[in-house]
Amino acid sequence: MTSDLQASLAVIAIRQVEKSTGASRNAFEQAVALKALGYRVVILAERGRHELAERFGAELVLLWRWPFKGPFRRFWFNRRVQAWCRRHRPALLVSHGDVETPDVVYMHNCVHLASQLIHGRDLPAGHEVAAIHDHVLKGGKFRRVAVNSRMMANDFRDRYGIDESRIEISYPGYDPEIFNFERATAGRPVRRRELGIGDDTQLIGLITSGNFTKRNVAGFVEMAAGLEQRLPGRCRFLVVGKDDFAPYQRQAEQAGVAERFIWRTTVSDVETLYGALDIFVLPAHVEEFGRVSLEAMACGTPVLLSSTTGAAELLEADHGDLILDSRDTDAWVDCLERMLNEEDLKLLGQSLAAQVTDFSYQKQTEKLKSSFATIMAT
């Protein structure tokens, strides 16, 4: 690196940086990559923790947050970032969707596509997130848009007319020191005892950060009811996440499977939950990537994913049979029954763990470094 680059300033603009969210982890991963390239890294945000940013080699600058809900607060953040950048003149501005930039925009969600796939309708005019995303993406000031999956790339290409040469698919990574077969299996006996799962019971789980409508927990309850009819008393079902359990608990009760379900909020040692499962499912109506799927596979847990989950793209070449339509409940029940009756289910998990090693945090960081270097060279 040249001495000029060593002194250059890189800014990451993201409204909130909390370690528990996928977007925050992406921002911190970007900070590590930029720091390794010799940049001084500043994260501009409205909410965040200084000690977290410092842990990843970045400075955190908190901007004043517009206190009222609505599209204006997103545009306000954009204005504040632009004003800060005019004063400090960074060499690189990385946007996370709420900020215009001449460099690169990292997008985490397709709000228009999500509304269509989940609710079957377009978003209302003036939708807060859609308004700023439309402004940034239609404006086209960026050199590159980075997305979590090919599904996102296709949506942005068609919806905004962005040339494919300006779109980069950047899959999230996982930490192999935490999410690995050895660590997950070592915690399996204790975690299953805590959950009340016997040795002769097979545990199927949907683990997510939240938003149970998007992740199709209702469909999971339907699958459980169908599987209970075919394999009575053989399975338990685990749902983990931060959302309102009550509607789905009522659904499970009405379907006669309430006693087969376990409901838990998120935990820090989630790898032990992956290890406790026999199968991980994510029947999401839309999941732009789904890092939980990647983590589960890294732990050697067999997975079954919807075709509208970005992480399913990692399975297409060798395990296309593990990808299903989110709304085809019968197909999910058929596939789960088949998998549970397979003697080599553990071998499938081990195969998936080996397959995802190319998406480790370290390897994805190297790809990020290469991506940033390419942007600065153009």
Protein backbone atom coordinates (compact mmCIF):
# COMPACT_ATOMS: atom_id res chain seq x y z
CA MET A 1 0.00 0.00 0.00
CA THR A 2 1.16 3.53 -0.70
CA SER A 3 1.69 6.06 2.06
CA ASP A 4 -1.29 8.07 0.73
CA LEU A 5 -3.56 5.05 1.13
CA GLN A 6 -2.24 4.44 4.63
CA ALA A 7 -3.43 7.92 5.61
CA SER A 8 -6.76 7.73 3.75
CA LEU A 9 -10.09 7.89 5.51
CA ALA A 10 -12.85 5.34 4.83
CA VAL A 11 -16.36 5.99 6.14
CA ILE A 12 -19.06 3.37 6.74
CA ALA A 13 -22.52 4.93 7.02
CA ILE A 14 -25.13 2.78 8.78
CA ARG A 15 -27.92 4.03 11.04
CA GLN A 16 -27.42 1.49 13.81
CA VAL A 17 -24.51 -0.73 14.78
CA GLU A 18 -25.57 -3.36 17.26
CA LYS A 19 -23.62 -6.61 17.19
CA SER A 20 -26.74 -8.79 17.24
CA THR A 21 -27.91 -7.76 13.76
CA GLY A 22 -26.60 -9.11 10.46
CA ALA A 23 -26.21 -5.60 9.05
CA SER A 24 -24.08 -4.55 12.01
CA ARG A 25 -21.87 -7.59 11.63
CA ASN A 26 -21.43 -6.77 7.95
CA ALA A 27 -20.36 -3.25 8.87
CA PHE A 28 -17.82 -4.53 11.37
CA GLU A 29 -16.50 -7.03 8.83
CA GLN A 30 -16.07 -4.17 6.38
CA ALA A 31 -14.21 -2.17 9.01
CA VAL A 32 -11.78 -5.05 9.53
CA ALA A 33 -11.19 -5.38 5.78
CA LEU A 34 -10.65 -1.63 5.31
CA LYS A 35 -8.35 -1.45 8.32
CA ALA A 36 -6.27 -4.28 6.84
CA LEU A 37 -5.97 -2.25 3.63
CA GLY A 38 -4.47 0.61 5.62
CA TYR A 39 -7.45 2.91 5.99
CA ARG A 40 -8.47 4.89 9.02
CA VAL A 41 -12.08 3.72 9.43
CA VAL A 42 -14.92 5.82 10.82
CA ILE A 43 -18.45 4.47 11.27
CA LEU A 44 -21.15 7.14 11.08
CA ALA A 45 -24.31 6.02 12.87
CA GLU A 46 -27.23 7.26 14.94
CA ARG A 47 -27.00 4.48 17.50
CA GLY A 48 -24.10 2.28 18.49
CA ARG A 49 -21.49 1.40 21.08
CA HIS A 50 -18.02 2.90 20.90
CA GLU A 51 -16.35 -0.12 22.48
CA LEU A 52 -17.79 -2.41 19.81
CA ALA A 53 -16.51 -0.25 16.97
CA GLU A 54 -13.08 0.01 18.58
CA ARG A 55 -12.93 -3.77 18.91
CA PHE A 56 -13.08 -3.98 15.12
CA GLY A 57 -10.57 -1.21 14.55
CA ALA A 58 -13.02 1.60 13.79
CA GLU A 59 -13.98 4.93 15.33
CA LEU A 60 -17.67 5.51 15.95
CA VAL A 61 -19.15 8.96 15.36
CA LEU A 62 -22.77 9.30 16.49
CA LEU A 63 -24.93 11.70 14.49
CA TRP A 64 -28.04 13.33 15.91
CA ARG A 65 -31.12 11.26 15.14
CA TRP A 66 -34.37 12.76 13.87
CA PRO A 67 -36.82 11.82 16.66
CA PHE A 68 -39.99 11.21 14.62
CA LYS A 69 -40.86 8.20 12.49
CA GLY A 70 -41.35 8.49 8.75
CA PRO A 71 -39.31 8.76 5.57
CA PHE A 72 -37.80 12.10 6.58
CA ARG A 73 -35.66 10.57 9.32
CA ARG A 74 -33.90 8.37 6.73
CA PHE A 75 -33.28 11.38 4.49
CA TRP A 76 -32.13 13.34 7.54
CA PHE A 77 -29.45 10.72 8.19
CA ASN A 78 -28.33 11.00 4.57
CA ARG A 79 -28.04 14.78 4.96
CA ARG A 80 -26.02 14.51 8.14
CA VAL A 81 -23.62 12.00 6.56
CA GLN A 82 -23.15 14.18 3.48
CA ALA A 83 -22.43 17.22 5.67
CA TRP A 84 -19.86 15.26 7.72
CA CYS A 85 -18.19 13.97 4.55
CA ARG A 86 -17.97 17.47 3.06
CA ARG A 87 -15.99 18.51 6.12
CA HIS A 88 -13.74 15.44 6.33
CA ARG A 89 -13.46 14.41 2.66
CA PRO A 90 -13.13 10.60 2.95
CA ALA A 91 -11.44 8.62 0.19
CA LEU A 92 -14.23 6.02 0.36
CA LEU A 93 -17.84 6.16 1.53
CA VAL A 94 -19.57 2.83 2.13
CA SER A 95 -23.36 3.15 2.34
CA HIS A 96 -25.70 0.60 3.89
CA GLY A 97 -28.69 1.75 1.88
CA ASP A 98 -29.69 4.98 3.64
CA VAL A 99 -26.96 7.19 2.18
CA GLU A 100 -25.97 8.34 -1.30
CA THR A 101 -22.38 7.60 -2.23
CA PRO A 102 -20.14 7.79 -5.29
CA ASP A 103 -18.54 4.53 -4.20
CA VAL A 104 -20.40 1.41 -2.99
CA VAL A 105 -23.82 0.67 -1.51
CA TYR A 106 -24.25 -2.50 0.55
CA MET A 107 -27.90 -3.55 0.55
CA HIS A 108 -29.32 -5.98 3.10
CA ASN A 109 -32.95 -6.23 2.07
CA CYS A 110 -35.36 -5.97 -0.84
CA VAL A 111 -38.34 -4.28 0.79
CA HIS A 112 -40.45 -4.19 -2.36
CA LEU A 113 -39.84 -7.86 -3.16
CA ALA A 114 -40.46 -8.81 0.46
CA SER A 115 -43.88 -7.16 0.49
CA GLN A 116 -44.83 -8.92 -2.73
CA LEU A 117 -43.68 -12.36 -1.55
CA ILE A 118 -44.99 -12.11 2.02
CA HIS A 119 -48.22 -10.18 1.58
CA GLY A 120 -48.88 -10.45 -2.15
CA ARG A 121 -49.08 -6.68 -2.60
CA ASP A 122 -46.92 -3.63 -3.27
CA LEU A 123 -45.75 -1.34 -0.49
CA PRO A 124 -47.85 1.76 0.17
CA ALA A 125 -46.62 5.09 -1.16
CA GLY A 126 -44.26 6.85 1.22
CA HIS A 127 -43.01 3.69 2.93
CA GLU A 128 -40.10 4.79 5.13
CA VAL A 129 -37.45 2.30 4.04
CA ALA A 130 -38.58 2.01 0.43
CA ALA A 131 -38.46 5.79 -0.02
CA ILE A 132 -34.75 6.11 0.82
CA HIS A 133 -33.78 2.89 -0.98
CA ASP A 134 -35.57 4.09 -4.11
CA HIS A 135 -33.83 7.46 -3.83
CA VAL A 136 -30.36 5.94 -3.45
CA LEU A 137 -30.74 3.19 -6.06
CA LYS A 138 -32.62 5.19 -8.67
CA GLY A 139 -30.16 8.05 -8.24
CA GLY A 140 -27.36 5.80 -9.50
CA LYS A 141 -24.48 7.87 -8.07
CA PHE A 142 -22.68 4.73 -6.91
CA ARG A 143 -20.04 2.80 -8.78
CA ARG A 144 -21.20 -0.49 -7.31
CA VAL A 145 -24.09 -2.07 -5.44
CA ALA A 146 -23.23 -5.09 -3.27
CA VAL A 147 -26.03 -7.52 -2.41
CA ASN A 148 -26.39 -10.62 -0.25
CA SER A 149 -27.60 -13.02 -2.94
CA ARG A 150 -28.35 -13.57 -6.60
CA MET A 151 -32.03 -13.20 -5.73
CA MET A 152 -31.33 -9.63 -4.61
CA ALA A 153 -29.14 -8.95 -7.65
CA ASN A 154 -31.90 -10.01 -10.02
CA ASP A 155 -34.50 -7.93 -8.20
CA PHE A 156 -32.39 -4.76 -8.28
CA ARG A 157 -31.41 -5.32 -11.89
CA ASP A 158 -35.05 -5.61 -12.96
CA ARG A 159 -36.60 -3.12 -10.55
CA TYR A 160 -34.09 -0.28 -10.86
CA GLY A 161 -32.49 -1.01 -14.21
CA ILE A 162 -29.03 -1.34 -12.68
CA ASP A 163 -26.56 -2.90 -15.10
CA GLU A 164 -25.28 -6.29 -13.93
CA SER A 165 -21.69 -5.04 -14.24
CA ARG A 166 -22.39 -2.66 -11.34
CA ILE A 167 -23.84 -5.34 -9.05
CA GLU A 168 -21.65 -7.54 -6.86
CA ILE A 169 -22.91 -10.56 -4.94
CA SER A 170 -21.25 -10.56 -1.52
CA TYR A 171 -22.35 -13.48 0.62
CA PRO A 172 -22.04 -12.99 4.40
CA GLY A 173 -19.48 -15.08 6.26
CA TYR A 174 -19.51 -17.08 9.50
CA ASP A 175 -16.98 -17.42 12.31
CA PRO A 176 -15.49 -20.96 12.11
CA GLU A 177 -14.09 -20.67 15.64
CA ILE A 178 -17.65 -20.54 16.96
CA PHE A 179 -19.67 -22.36 14.32
CA ASN A 180 -18.06 -25.74 13.77
CA PHE A 181 -19.01 -29.40 14.06
CA GLU A 182 -16.87 -30.11 17.12
CA ARG A 183 -18.20 -27.23 19.20
CA ALA A 184 -21.81 -27.81 18.20
CA THR A 185 -21.77 -31.54 18.93
CA ALA A 186 -19.93 -31.05 22.23
CA GLY A 187 -22.79 -28.90 23.48
CA ARG A 188 -25.53 -31.16 22.13
CA PRO A 189 -26.21 -33.40 25.18
CA VAL A 190 -26.50 -30.54 27.68
CA ARG A 191 -28.64 -28.38 25.41
CA ARG A 192 -31.01 -31.24 24.57
CA ARG A 193 -31.42 -32.04 28.28
CA GLU A 194 -32.24 -28.39 28.94
CA LEU A 195 -34.86 -28.51 26.20
CA GLY A 196 -36.28 -31.79 27.51
CA ILE A 197 -35.41 -33.75 24.37
CA GLY A 198 -34.87 -37.49 24.82
CA ASP A 199 -32.42 -39.62 22.86
CA ASP A 200 -35.26 -41.20 20.87
CA THR A 201 -36.77 -37.84 19.87
CA GLN A 202 -35.79 -35.95 16.73
CA LEU A 203 -35.65 -32.17 17.05
CA ILE A 204 -36.48 -29.87 14.13
CA GLY A 205 -35.82 -26.18 14.60
CA LEU A 206 -36.36 -22.77 13.07
CA ILE A 207 -33.84 -20.33 14.53
CA THR A 208 -33.96 -16.69 13.53
CA SER A 209 -33.42 -13.18 14.88
CA GLY A 210 -37.13 -12.35 14.63
CA ASN A 211 -39.89 -11.27 12.22
CA PHE A 212 -41.84 -14.51 12.35
CA THR A 213 -44.14 -13.47 9.51
CA LYS A 214 -41.23 -13.05 7.10
CA ARG A 215 -39.60 -16.31 8.25
CA ASN A 216 -42.92 -18.18 7.89
CA VAL A 217 -43.28 -19.58 11.39
CA ALA A 218 -46.96 -20.17 10.52
CA GLY A 219 -45.85 -22.52 7.76
CA PHE A 220 -43.52 -24.28 10.18
CA VAL A 221 -46.44 -24.96 12.54
CA GLU A 222 -48.40 -26.40 9.61
CA MET A 223 -45.45 -28.66 8.75
CA ALA A 224 -45.25 -29.82 12.36
CA ALA A 225 -48.92 -30.77 12.34
CA GLY A 226 -48.49 -32.72 9.10
CA LEU A 227 -45.37 -34.49 10.34
CA GLU A 228 -47.01 -35.37 13.65
CA GLN A 229 -49.75 -37.20 11.75
CA ARG A 230 -47.18 -39.25 9.86
CA LEU A 231 -44.67 -39.80 12.66
CA PRO A 232 -46.73 -39.48 15.87
CA GLY A 233 -44.74 -38.68 19.00
CA ARG A 234 -41.39 -38.93 17.24
CA CYS A 235 -40.50 -35.25 16.77
CA ARG A 236 -40.31 -32.02 18.75
CA PHE A 237 -40.20 -28.57 17.20
CA LEU A 238 -38.15 -25.58 18.34
CA VAL A 239 -38.71 -21.92 17.44
CA VAL A 240 -36.09 -19.38 18.50
CA GLY A 241 -36.30 -15.64 17.92
CA LYS A 242 -37.49 -12.27 19.15
CA ASP A 243 -41.11 -11.76 18.15
CA ASP A 244 -44.59 -12.39 19.50
CA PHE A 245 -45.00 -16.12 20.04
CA ALA A 246 -48.70 -15.94 20.97
CA PRO A 247 -50.35 -16.17 17.50
CA TYR A 248 -48.25 -19.18 16.59
CA GLN A 249 -48.77 -20.86 19.94
CA ARG A 250 -52.52 -20.52 19.39
CA GLN A 251 -52.10 -21.96 15.90
CA ALA A 252 -50.15 -24.92 17.32
CA GLU A 253 -52.83 -25.47 19.95
CA GLN A 254 -55.60 -25.44 17.35
CA ALA A 255 -53.60 -27.92 15.24
CA GLY A 256 -53.19 -30.24 18.24
CA VAL A 257 -49.38 -29.97 18.40
CA ALA A 258 -48.88 -27.38 21.15
CA GLU A 259 -47.17 -29.90 23.43
CA ARG A 260 -44.69 -30.76 20.69
CA PHE A 261 -43.36 -27.17 20.47
CA ILE A 262 -40.62 -25.38 22.39
CA TRP A 263 -40.45 -21.57 22.20
CA ARG A 264 -37.28 -19.65 23.13
CA THR A 265 -35.91 -16.18 22.71
CA THR A 266 -32.47 -15.66 21.17
CA VAL A 267 -29.39 -16.92 23.03
CA SER A 268 -25.70 -15.99 22.83
CA ASP A 269 -24.39 -19.54 22.42
CA VAL A 270 -26.61 -20.30 19.43
CA GLU A 271 -24.14 -22.87 18.10
CA THR A 272 -25.29 -25.27 20.84
CA LEU A 273 -28.85 -24.93 19.54
CA TYR A 274 -27.71 -25.82 16.02
CA GLY A 275 -25.91 -28.80 17.51
CA ALA A 276 -29.03 -29.88 19.42
CA LEU A 277 -31.09 -30.04 16.23
CA ASP A 278 -31.48 -32.99 13.91
CA ILE A 279 -32.69 -30.71 11.10
CA PHE A 280 -32.66 -26.92 10.73
CA VAL A 281 -35.44 -25.42 8.61
CA LEU A 282 -35.93 -21.93 7.21
CA PRO A 283 -39.16 -21.83 5.17
CA ALA A 284 -38.95 -18.03 4.79
CA HIS A 285 -41.22 -16.29 2.30
CA VAL A 286 -38.17 -14.14 1.67
CA GLU A 287 -34.75 -14.08 3.34
CA GLU A 288 -32.21 -11.99 1.47
CA PHE A 289 -29.47 -14.34 2.67
CA GLY A 290 -30.07 -15.97 6.05
CA ARG A 291 -26.77 -16.20 7.90
CA VAL A 292 -28.39 -18.61 10.38
CA SER A 293 -28.59 -21.16 7.56
CA LEU A 294 -24.87 -20.81 6.90
CA GLU A 295 -24.07 -21.12 10.60
CA ALA A 296 -26.23 -24.23 10.94
CA MET A 297 -24.48 -25.89 7.99
CA ALA A 298 -21.07 -24.98 9.43
CA CYS A 299 -22.13 -26.79 12.61
CA GLY A 300 -22.87 -29.94 10.62
CA THR A 301 -26.64 -29.63 10.93
CA PRO A 302 -28.70 -30.75 7.92
CA VAL A 303 -30.82 -27.90 6.55
CA LEU A 304 -33.99 -27.50 4.53
CA LEU A 305 -34.44 -24.04 2.99
CA SER A 306 -37.00 -22.18 0.96
CA SER A 307 -36.17 -21.20 -2.60
CA THR A 308 -36.61 -17.56 -1.56
CA THR A 309 -33.79 -17.81 0.97
CA GLY A 310 -30.54 -16.43 -0.45
CA ALA A 311 -28.41 -19.03 1.34
CA ALA A 312 -30.19 -21.72 -0.67
CA GLU A 313 -28.01 -20.62 -3.59
CA LEU A 314 -25.11 -22.37 -1.86
CA LEU A 315 -27.02 -25.68 -2.13
CA GLU A 316 -28.13 -25.51 -5.75
CA ALA A 317 -25.21 -27.38 -7.31
CA ASP A 318 -25.06 -30.43 -5.02
CA HIS A 319 -28.17 -30.41 -2.83
CA GLY A 320 -31.02 -28.99 -4.87
CA ASP A 321 -33.41 -31.42 -3.15
CA LEU A 322 -33.00 -29.40 0.06
CA ILE A 323 -34.65 -26.33 -1.52
CA LEU A 324 -38.46 -26.03 -1.49
CA ASP A 325 -41.21 -23.52 -2.17
CA SER A 326 -42.07 -21.71 1.07
CA ARG A 327 -45.82 -22.25 0.65
CA ASP A 328 -45.77 -25.92 -0.39
CA THR A 329 -46.41 -27.42 3.03
CA ASP A 330 -46.93 -30.95 1.73
CA ALA A 331 -43.53 -30.92 0.02
CA TRP A 332 -41.85 -29.84 3.29
CA VAL A 333 -43.58 -32.62 5.21
CA ASP A 334 -42.60 -35.19 2.56
CA CYS A 335 -38.97 -34.06 2.60
CA LEU A 336 -38.73 -33.92 6.39
CA GLU A 337 -40.19 -37.40 6.68
CA ARG A 338 -37.71 -38.72 4.13
CA MET A 339 -34.75 -37.05 5.83
CA LEU A 340 -35.72 -38.28 9.29
CA ASN A 341 -35.89 -41.85 8.00
CA GLU A 342 -32.44 -41.68 6.38
CA GLU A 343 -29.68 -43.54 8.18
CA ASP A 344 -27.00 -41.23 6.80
CA LEU A 345 -28.52 -37.92 7.95
CA LYS A 346 -25.40 -37.10 9.96
CA LEU A 347 -23.29 -37.65 6.86
CA LEU A 348 -25.38 -35.05 5.06
CA GLY A 349 -24.64 -32.59 7.84
CA GLN A 350 -20.93 -33.27 7.61
CA SER A 351 -21.04 -32.81 3.85
CA LEU A 352 -22.73 -29.43 4.24
CA ALA A 353 -20.16 -28.36 6.83
CA ALA A 354 -17.35 -29.15 4.41
CA GLN A 355 -19.14 -27.37 1.58
CA VAL A 356 -19.46 -24.01 3.37
CA THR A 357 -15.84 -23.67 4.47
CA ASP A 358 -15.29 -21.29 1.54
CA PHE A 359 -17.64 -18.84 3.24
CA SER A 360 -15.77 -18.50 6.51
CA TYR A 361 -15.36 -15.05 8.00
CA GLN A 362 -11.66 -14.98 7.06
CA LYS A 363 -12.26 -15.90 3.42
CA GLN A 364 -15.12 -13.44 3.06
CA THR A 365 -12.91 -10.73 4.58
CA GLU A 366 -10.30 -11.42 1.92
CA LYS A 367 -13.00 -11.05 -0.72
CA LEU A 368 -14.09 -7.77 0.87
CA LYS A 369 -10.51 -6.49 0.79
CA SER A 370 -10.23 -7.38 -2.88
CA SER A 371 -13.56 -5.70 -3.61
CA PHE A 372 -12.60 -2.46 -1.86
CA ALA A 373 -9.19 -2.43 -3.54
CA THR A 374 -10.87 -2.79 -6.93
CA ILE A 375 -13.23 0.10 -6.22
CA MET A 376 -10.37 2.40 -5.22
CA ALA A 377 -8.37 1.43 -8.29
CA THR A 378 -11.13 2.55 -10.68
